[in-house]
Amino acid sequence: MSDTIYGPADFYAISLPNGDVDDAVRQAVVELLGNDAITVVDLLVVRKGEDGTVDAGELAEGVVPGVDELGETGAQLASEEDVEAVAELLEPGSAALVAVIEHTWARGLVEALGKAGAEVVLAERIPAEVVNASAESLG
């Protein structure tokens, strides 16, 4: 068992309309890799062929520059079951970028809560689209 305290993590499956990771997405991933607020715990691409076959794998070095810096966190969370669930959502000939992102900024809080015997009793992700639409309607 690791002595490292991890923050909460989010699992994202992002469809790629043409089946490729475009340059803007590559750049955004590179920026995430250099951000101390989060840690990219797992990053892979799931592809569904025209014949329905599924291919999934960690991003190879060079696909997203800097991805080899991910290293081993001991918390790789995207499972084979996750890959199968994502593949079910894909149209033939398409792909998805799968990312598990830990909220590194919350590690100290998680540790303090644990030591205090406190527990998170409810946590809910509000999609960016909902937050932005709400903010726009207010002003």
N, C-alpha and C. Protein backbone atom coordinates (compact mmCIF):
# COMPACT_ATOMS: atom_id res chain seq x y z
N MET A 1 0.85 -1.18 0.00
CA MET A 1 0.00 0.00 0.00
C MET A 1 0.89 1.24 0.00
N SER A 2 0.53 2.19 -0.82
CA SER A 2 1.29 3.43 -0.93
C SER A 2 0.98 4.35 0.25
N ASP A 3 1.99 5.10 0.68
CA ASP A 3 1.79 6.09 1.73
C ASP A 3 1.27 7.41 1.16
N THR A 4 1.23 7.52 -0.16
CA THR A 4 0.77 8.74 -0.80
C THR A 4 -0.73 8.90 -0.63
N ILE A 5 -1.15 10.08 -0.26
CA ILE A 5 -2.57 10.42 -0.20
C ILE A 5 -2.92 11.05 -1.55
N TYR A 6 -3.94 10.52 -2.20
CA TYR A 6 -4.38 11.06 -3.48
C TYR A 6 -5.61 11.93 -3.28
N GLY A 7 -5.79 12.89 -4.16
CA GLY A 7 -7.01 13.67 -4.19
C GLY A 7 -8.06 12.92 -5.00
N PRO A 8 -9.27 13.46 -5.05
CA PRO A 8 -10.31 12.82 -5.86
C PRO A 8 -9.92 12.85 -7.34
N ALA A 9 -10.50 11.96 -8.11
CA ALA A 9 -10.19 11.88 -9.53
C ALA A 9 -11.47 11.86 -10.36
N ASP A 10 -11.36 12.35 -11.57
CA ASP A 10 -12.46 12.33 -12.54
C ASP A 10 -12.06 11.47 -13.72
N PHE A 11 -13.03 10.76 -14.28
CA PHE A 11 -12.86 9.94 -15.47
C PHE A 11 -13.58 10.63 -16.61
N TYR A 12 -12.86 10.87 -17.70
CA TYR A 12 -13.45 11.50 -18.88
C TYR A 12 -13.24 10.61 -20.09
N ALA A 13 -14.28 10.49 -20.91
CA ALA A 13 -14.18 9.87 -22.22
C ALA A 13 -14.67 10.92 -23.21
N ILE A 14 -13.78 11.36 -24.08
CA ILE A 14 -14.06 12.47 -24.98
C ILE A 14 -14.04 11.96 -26.41
N SER A 15 -15.19 12.06 -27.09
CA SER A 15 -15.26 11.55 -28.46
C SER A 15 -14.41 12.40 -29.38
N LEU A 16 -13.80 11.74 -30.34
CA LEU A 16 -12.97 12.40 -31.34
C LEU A 16 -13.65 12.18 -32.69
N PRO A 17 -14.29 13.22 -33.22
CA PRO A 17 -15.15 13.06 -34.39
C PRO A 17 -14.47 12.38 -35.58
N ASN A 18 -13.22 12.72 -35.85
CA ASN A 18 -12.56 12.10 -37.00
C ASN A 18 -11.63 10.98 -36.59
N GLY A 19 -11.66 10.60 -35.31
CA GLY A 19 -10.85 9.49 -34.84
C GLY A 19 -9.42 9.84 -34.47
N ASP A 20 -9.06 11.12 -34.59
CA ASP A 20 -7.69 11.53 -34.30
C ASP A 20 -7.65 12.57 -33.19
N VAL A 21 -6.53 12.59 -32.47
CA VAL A 21 -6.29 13.62 -31.47
C VAL A 21 -5.73 14.82 -32.22
N ASP A 22 -6.49 15.92 -32.30
CA ASP A 22 -6.02 17.06 -33.09
C ASP A 22 -5.00 17.89 -32.31
N ASP A 23 -4.38 18.82 -32.99
CA ASP A 23 -3.28 19.60 -32.40
C ASP A 23 -3.70 20.40 -31.17
N ALA A 24 -4.89 20.98 -31.18
CA ALA A 24 -5.35 21.77 -30.03
C ALA A 24 -5.53 20.88 -28.81
N VAL A 25 -6.05 19.67 -29.01
CA VAL A 25 -6.22 18.73 -27.89
C VAL A 25 -4.86 18.27 -27.39
N ARG A 26 -3.94 17.98 -28.30
CA ARG A 26 -2.57 17.61 -27.90
C ARG A 26 -1.97 18.69 -27.02
N GLN A 27 -2.10 19.95 -27.45
CA GLN A 27 -1.54 21.06 -26.70
C GLN A 27 -2.18 21.18 -25.33
N ALA A 28 -3.49 21.00 -25.25
CA ALA A 28 -4.19 21.08 -23.96
C ALA A 28 -3.70 19.98 -23.02
N VAL A 29 -3.45 18.78 -23.54
CA VAL A 29 -2.94 17.68 -22.71
C VAL A 29 -1.54 18.01 -22.22
N VAL A 30 -0.71 18.55 -23.09
CA VAL A 30 0.65 18.95 -22.69
C VAL A 30 0.59 19.98 -21.56
N GLU A 31 -0.32 20.93 -21.67
CA GLU A 31 -0.48 21.94 -20.61
C GLU A 31 -0.93 21.30 -19.30
N LEU A 32 -1.82 20.31 -19.38
CA LEU A 32 -2.25 19.60 -18.17
C LEU A 32 -1.09 18.88 -17.50
N LEU A 33 -0.20 18.32 -18.32
CA LEU A 33 0.94 17.60 -17.77
C LEU A 33 1.84 18.49 -16.95
N GLY A 34 1.85 19.79 -17.26
CA GLY A 34 2.70 20.72 -16.54
C GLY A 34 1.98 21.48 -15.44
N ASN A 35 0.75 21.11 -15.14
CA ASN A 35 -0.07 21.83 -14.17
C ASN A 35 -0.01 21.13 -12.81
N ASP A 36 0.39 21.86 -11.77
CA ASP A 36 0.48 21.28 -10.44
C ASP A 36 -0.87 21.08 -9.77
N ALA A 37 -1.94 21.66 -10.30
CA ALA A 37 -3.26 21.55 -9.69
C ALA A 37 -3.89 20.18 -9.93
N ILE A 38 -3.48 19.52 -11.02
CA ILE A 38 -4.02 18.19 -11.34
C ILE A 38 -2.87 17.26 -11.71
N THR A 39 -3.17 15.98 -11.66
CA THR A 39 -2.23 14.97 -12.16
C THR A 39 -3.00 14.08 -13.13
N VAL A 40 -2.49 13.91 -14.33
CA VAL A 40 -3.10 12.99 -15.28
C VAL A 40 -2.64 11.59 -14.87
N VAL A 41 -3.58 10.83 -14.33
CA VAL A 41 -3.28 9.51 -13.79
C VAL A 41 -3.24 8.46 -14.90
N ASP A 42 -4.12 8.60 -15.86
CA ASP A 42 -4.19 7.65 -16.96
C ASP A 42 -4.67 8.37 -18.20
N LEU A 43 -4.14 7.98 -19.35
CA LEU A 43 -4.47 8.64 -20.60
C LEU A 43 -4.36 7.60 -21.71
N LEU A 44 -5.45 7.36 -22.41
CA LEU A 44 -5.41 6.38 -23.50
C LEU A 44 -6.40 6.75 -24.58
N VAL A 45 -6.27 6.08 -25.70
CA VAL A 45 -7.17 6.27 -26.83
C VAL A 45 -7.89 4.95 -27.07
N VAL A 46 -9.21 5.03 -27.25
CA VAL A 46 -10.02 3.88 -27.61
C VAL A 46 -10.50 4.12 -29.04
N ARG A 47 -10.22 3.18 -29.94
CA ARG A 47 -10.64 3.31 -31.33
C ARG A 47 -11.58 2.16 -31.69
N LYS A 48 -12.62 2.50 -32.44
CA LYS A 48 -13.56 1.48 -32.91
C LYS A 48 -13.48 1.45 -34.43
N GLY A 49 -13.04 0.32 -34.96
CA GLY A 49 -12.89 0.19 -36.40
C GLY A 49 -14.23 0.14 -37.11
N GLU A 50 -14.19 0.33 -38.42
CA GLU A 50 -15.41 0.27 -39.24
C GLU A 50 -16.12 -1.07 -39.08
N ASP A 51 -15.34 -2.13 -38.80
CA ASP A 51 -15.92 -3.46 -38.62
C ASP A 51 -16.35 -3.73 -37.18
N GLY A 52 -16.21 -2.72 -36.29
CA GLY A 52 -16.63 -2.86 -34.91
C GLY A 52 -15.55 -3.35 -33.96
N THR A 53 -14.37 -3.68 -34.48
CA THR A 53 -13.29 -4.11 -33.59
C THR A 53 -12.81 -2.93 -32.77
N VAL A 54 -12.39 -3.23 -31.54
CA VAL A 54 -11.97 -2.19 -30.62
C VAL A 54 -10.48 -2.34 -30.35
N ASP A 55 -9.78 -1.21 -30.43
CA ASP A 55 -8.36 -1.16 -30.11
C ASP A 55 -8.18 -0.05 -29.09
N ALA A 56 -7.52 -0.37 -28.00
CA ALA A 56 -7.28 0.64 -26.97
C ALA A 56 -5.86 0.51 -26.47
N GLY A 57 -5.28 1.64 -26.13
CA GLY A 57 -3.95 1.59 -25.59
C GLY A 57 -3.52 2.93 -25.04
N GLU A 58 -2.52 2.85 -24.17
CA GLU A 58 -1.92 4.07 -23.64
C GLU A 58 -1.39 4.87 -24.81
N LEU A 59 -1.39 6.16 -24.68
CA LEU A 59 -0.85 7.01 -25.73
C LEU A 59 0.64 6.75 -25.85
N ALA A 60 1.07 6.46 -27.05
CA ALA A 60 2.48 6.20 -27.28
C ALA A 60 3.26 7.50 -27.25
N GLU A 61 4.52 7.40 -26.87
CA GLU A 61 5.39 8.57 -26.88
C GLU A 61 5.37 9.17 -28.28
N GLY A 62 5.25 10.47 -28.35
CA GLY A 62 5.20 11.14 -29.63
C GLY A 62 3.80 11.46 -30.09
N VAL A 63 2.78 10.69 -29.64
CA VAL A 63 1.40 10.99 -30.00
C VAL A 63 0.99 12.30 -29.34
N VAL A 64 1.27 12.41 -28.06
CA VAL A 64 1.09 13.66 -27.32
C VAL A 64 2.43 13.96 -26.68
N PRO A 65 3.15 14.99 -27.16
CA PRO A 65 4.46 15.29 -26.60
C PRO A 65 4.38 15.45 -25.08
N GLY A 66 5.31 14.82 -24.38
CA GLY A 66 5.35 14.93 -22.93
C GLY A 66 4.59 13.83 -22.22
N VAL A 67 3.87 12.98 -22.96
CA VAL A 67 3.06 11.95 -22.31
C VAL A 67 3.93 10.94 -21.57
N ASP A 68 5.18 10.77 -22.00
CA ASP A 68 6.08 9.84 -21.30
C ASP A 68 6.41 10.36 -19.90
N GLU A 69 6.08 11.63 -19.60
CA GLU A 69 6.31 12.19 -18.28
C GLU A 69 5.26 11.76 -17.27
N LEU A 70 4.21 11.05 -17.71
CA LEU A 70 3.17 10.63 -16.79
C LEU A 70 3.73 9.76 -15.67
N GLY A 71 4.59 8.83 -16.04
CA GLY A 71 5.18 7.97 -15.04
C GLY A 71 4.16 7.08 -14.37
N GLU A 72 4.58 6.38 -13.34
CA GLU A 72 3.70 5.49 -12.60
C GLU A 72 3.22 6.19 -11.34
N THR A 73 1.92 6.32 -11.20
CA THR A 73 1.37 6.93 -9.99
C THR A 73 0.91 5.87 -9.01
N GLY A 74 0.79 4.64 -9.46
CA GLY A 74 0.25 3.60 -8.60
C GLY A 74 -1.27 3.66 -8.55
N ALA A 75 -1.88 4.53 -9.34
CA ALA A 75 -3.32 4.69 -9.28
C ALA A 75 -3.95 4.71 -10.67
N GLN A 76 -3.38 3.98 -11.61
CA GLN A 76 -3.97 3.95 -12.95
C GLN A 76 -5.37 3.34 -12.83
N LEU A 77 -6.37 4.11 -13.24
CA LEU A 77 -7.74 3.76 -12.92
C LEU A 77 -8.61 3.34 -14.10
N ALA A 78 -8.19 3.56 -15.32
CA ALA A 78 -9.01 3.16 -16.47
C ALA A 78 -8.85 1.65 -16.67
N SER A 79 -9.94 0.93 -16.46
CA SER A 79 -9.91 -0.53 -16.54
C SER A 79 -10.37 -1.04 -17.90
N GLU A 80 -10.24 -2.33 -18.10
CA GLU A 80 -10.73 -2.96 -19.32
C GLU A 80 -12.25 -2.78 -19.44
N GLU A 81 -12.94 -2.84 -18.31
CA GLU A 81 -14.39 -2.62 -18.30
C GLU A 81 -14.72 -1.20 -18.75
N ASP A 82 -13.91 -0.24 -18.32
CA ASP A 82 -14.11 1.15 -18.76
C ASP A 82 -13.94 1.26 -20.27
N VAL A 83 -12.90 0.62 -20.79
CA VAL A 83 -12.64 0.65 -22.23
C VAL A 83 -13.84 0.06 -22.98
N GLU A 84 -14.37 -1.06 -22.49
CA GLU A 84 -15.53 -1.69 -23.13
C GLU A 84 -16.75 -0.77 -23.10
N ALA A 85 -16.97 -0.09 -21.97
CA ALA A 85 -18.11 0.82 -21.85
C ALA A 85 -17.97 2.00 -22.80
N VAL A 86 -16.76 2.53 -22.93
CA VAL A 86 -16.52 3.65 -23.86
C VAL A 86 -16.73 3.17 -25.29
N ALA A 87 -16.21 1.99 -25.61
CA ALA A 87 -16.33 1.46 -26.97
C ALA A 87 -17.80 1.29 -27.37
N GLU A 88 -18.64 0.92 -26.43
CA GLU A 88 -20.08 0.78 -26.71
C GLU A 88 -20.70 2.10 -27.16
N LEU A 89 -20.15 3.21 -26.71
CA LEU A 89 -20.69 4.53 -27.04
C LEU A 89 -20.19 5.06 -28.38
N LEU A 90 -19.16 4.43 -28.92
CA LEU A 90 -18.54 4.93 -30.15
C LEU A 90 -19.20 4.38 -31.40
N GLU A 91 -19.26 5.23 -32.42
CA GLU A 91 -19.69 4.81 -33.75
C GLU A 91 -18.50 4.13 -34.43
N PRO A 92 -18.75 3.17 -35.33
CA PRO A 92 -17.65 2.59 -36.08
C PRO A 92 -16.84 3.67 -36.80
N GLY A 93 -15.52 3.53 -36.78
CA GLY A 93 -14.63 4.48 -37.43
C GLY A 93 -14.29 5.69 -36.57
N SER A 94 -14.70 5.67 -35.31
CA SER A 94 -14.41 6.82 -34.44
C SER A 94 -13.51 6.40 -33.28
N ALA A 95 -13.19 7.37 -32.45
CA ALA A 95 -12.30 7.12 -31.32
C ALA A 95 -12.68 8.02 -30.16
N ALA A 96 -12.10 7.73 -29.00
CA ALA A 96 -12.29 8.56 -27.81
C ALA A 96 -10.97 8.67 -27.08
N LEU A 97 -10.75 9.84 -26.52
CA LEU A 97 -9.62 10.06 -25.63
C LEU A 97 -10.15 9.82 -24.22
N VAL A 98 -9.50 8.94 -23.47
CA VAL A 98 -9.90 8.63 -22.10
C VAL A 98 -8.84 9.18 -21.17
N ALA A 99 -9.27 9.99 -20.21
CA ALA A 99 -8.35 10.60 -19.26
C ALA A 99 -8.89 10.43 -17.84
N VAL A 100 -8.02 10.01 -16.94
CA VAL A 100 -8.35 10.00 -15.52
C VAL A 100 -7.46 11.06 -14.90
N ILE A 101 -8.11 12.06 -14.29
CA ILE A 101 -7.40 13.23 -13.79
C ILE A 101 -7.62 13.36 -12.29
N GLU A 102 -6.52 13.32 -11.54
CA GLU A 102 -6.58 13.48 -10.09
C GLU A 102 -6.50 14.96 -9.75
N HIS A 103 -7.30 15.36 -8.77
CA HIS A 103 -7.26 16.74 -8.28
C HIS A 103 -6.16 16.85 -7.22
N THR A 104 -4.94 17.03 -7.70
CA THR A 104 -3.76 17.08 -6.83
C THR A 104 -3.89 18.17 -5.78
N TRP A 105 -4.52 19.28 -6.15
CA TRP A 105 -4.69 20.40 -5.22
C TRP A 105 -5.42 19.98 -3.95
N ALA A 106 -6.19 18.89 -4.00
CA ALA A 106 -7.01 18.48 -2.86
C ALA A 106 -6.31 17.48 -1.93
N ARG A 107 -5.08 17.08 -2.24
CA ARG A 107 -4.40 16.08 -1.43
C ARG A 107 -4.32 16.47 0.05
N GLY A 108 -3.89 17.69 0.33
CA GLY A 108 -3.78 18.15 1.72
C GLY A 108 -5.11 18.14 2.43
N LEU A 109 -6.15 18.56 1.71
CA LEU A 109 -7.50 18.55 2.29
C LEU A 109 -7.96 17.13 2.58
N VAL A 110 -7.72 16.20 1.66
CA VAL A 110 -8.11 14.80 1.85
C VAL A 110 -7.40 14.23 3.08
N GLU A 111 -6.12 14.51 3.20
CA GLU A 111 -5.35 14.02 4.35
C GLU A 111 -5.90 14.61 5.65
N ALA A 112 -6.16 15.91 5.66
CA ALA A 112 -6.69 16.56 6.87
C ALA A 112 -8.06 16.02 7.24
N LEU A 113 -8.91 15.83 6.25
CA LEU A 113 -10.25 15.28 6.50
C LEU A 113 -10.16 13.88 7.10
N GLY A 114 -9.26 13.06 6.54
CA GLY A 114 -9.09 11.71 7.04
C GLY A 114 -8.61 11.69 8.48
N LYS A 115 -7.65 12.53 8.79
CA LYS A 115 -7.12 12.59 10.16
C LYS A 115 -8.17 13.09 11.15
N ALA A 116 -9.09 13.93 10.67
CA ALA A 116 -10.14 14.48 11.52
C ALA A 116 -11.35 13.54 11.63
N GLY A 117 -11.31 12.43 10.88
CA GLY A 117 -12.44 11.51 10.88
C GLY A 117 -13.63 12.00 10.06
N ALA A 118 -13.41 13.05 9.28
CA ALA A 118 -14.48 13.60 8.44
C ALA A 118 -14.60 12.80 7.14
N GLU A 119 -15.79 12.82 6.55
CA GLU A 119 -16.04 12.12 5.29
C GLU A 119 -16.80 13.02 4.34
N VAL A 120 -16.52 12.90 3.07
CA VAL A 120 -17.32 13.57 2.06
C VAL A 120 -18.60 12.74 1.92
N VAL A 121 -19.74 13.37 2.15
CA VAL A 121 -21.01 12.63 2.08
C VAL A 121 -21.73 12.85 0.76
N LEU A 122 -21.32 13.85 -0.01
CA LEU A 122 -21.90 14.08 -1.32
C LEU A 122 -20.90 14.86 -2.16
N ALA A 123 -20.69 14.42 -3.36
CA ALA A 123 -19.86 15.14 -4.33
C ALA A 123 -20.53 14.98 -5.68
N GLU A 124 -20.64 16.06 -6.41
CA GLU A 124 -21.29 16.01 -7.70
C GLU A 124 -20.55 16.91 -8.68
N ARG A 125 -20.28 16.40 -9.85
CA ARG A 125 -19.63 17.16 -10.91
C ARG A 125 -20.70 17.92 -11.68
N ILE A 126 -20.54 19.21 -11.84
CA ILE A 126 -21.44 20.01 -12.66
C ILE A 126 -20.69 20.30 -13.96
N PRO A 127 -21.21 19.82 -15.10
CA PRO A 127 -20.50 20.01 -16.37
C PRO A 127 -20.26 21.49 -16.68
N ALA A 128 -19.14 21.76 -17.32
CA ALA A 128 -18.76 23.13 -17.67
C ALA A 128 -19.86 23.82 -18.46
N GLU A 129 -20.54 23.10 -19.34
CA GLU A 129 -21.60 23.70 -20.15
C GLU A 129 -22.71 24.25 -19.27
N VAL A 130 -23.04 23.55 -18.19
CA VAL A 130 -24.10 23.98 -17.28
C VAL A 130 -23.66 25.22 -16.50
N VAL A 131 -22.41 25.18 -15.99
CA VAL A 131 -21.88 26.33 -15.25
C VAL A 131 -21.84 27.56 -16.14
N ASN A 132 -21.34 27.41 -17.37
CA ASN A 132 -21.23 28.54 -18.29
C ASN A 132 -22.60 29.09 -18.68
N ALA A 133 -23.55 28.20 -18.93
CA ALA A 133 -24.90 28.65 -19.29
C ALA A 133 -25.54 29.40 -18.13
N SER A 134 -25.35 28.90 -16.91
CA SER A 134 -25.90 29.56 -15.74
C SER A 134 -25.28 30.94 -15.54
N ALA A 135 -23.96 31.02 -15.66
CA ALA A 135 -23.26 32.31 -15.51
C ALA A 135 -23.71 33.30 -16.57
N GLU A 136 -23.88 32.81 -17.79
CA GLU A 136 -24.31 33.68 -18.89
C GLU A 136 -25.72 34.21 -18.65
N SER A 137 -26.60 33.38 -18.11
CA SER A 137 -27.98 33.81 -17.86
C SER A 137 -28.07 34.85 -16.75
N LEU A 138 -27.05 34.89 -15.88
CA LEU A 138 -27.05 35.85 -14.78
C LEU A 138 -26.48 37.21 -15.17
N GLY A 139 -25.75 37.21 -16.23
CA GLY A 139 -25.20 38.51 -16.46
C GLY A 139 -24.59 38.85 -17.70
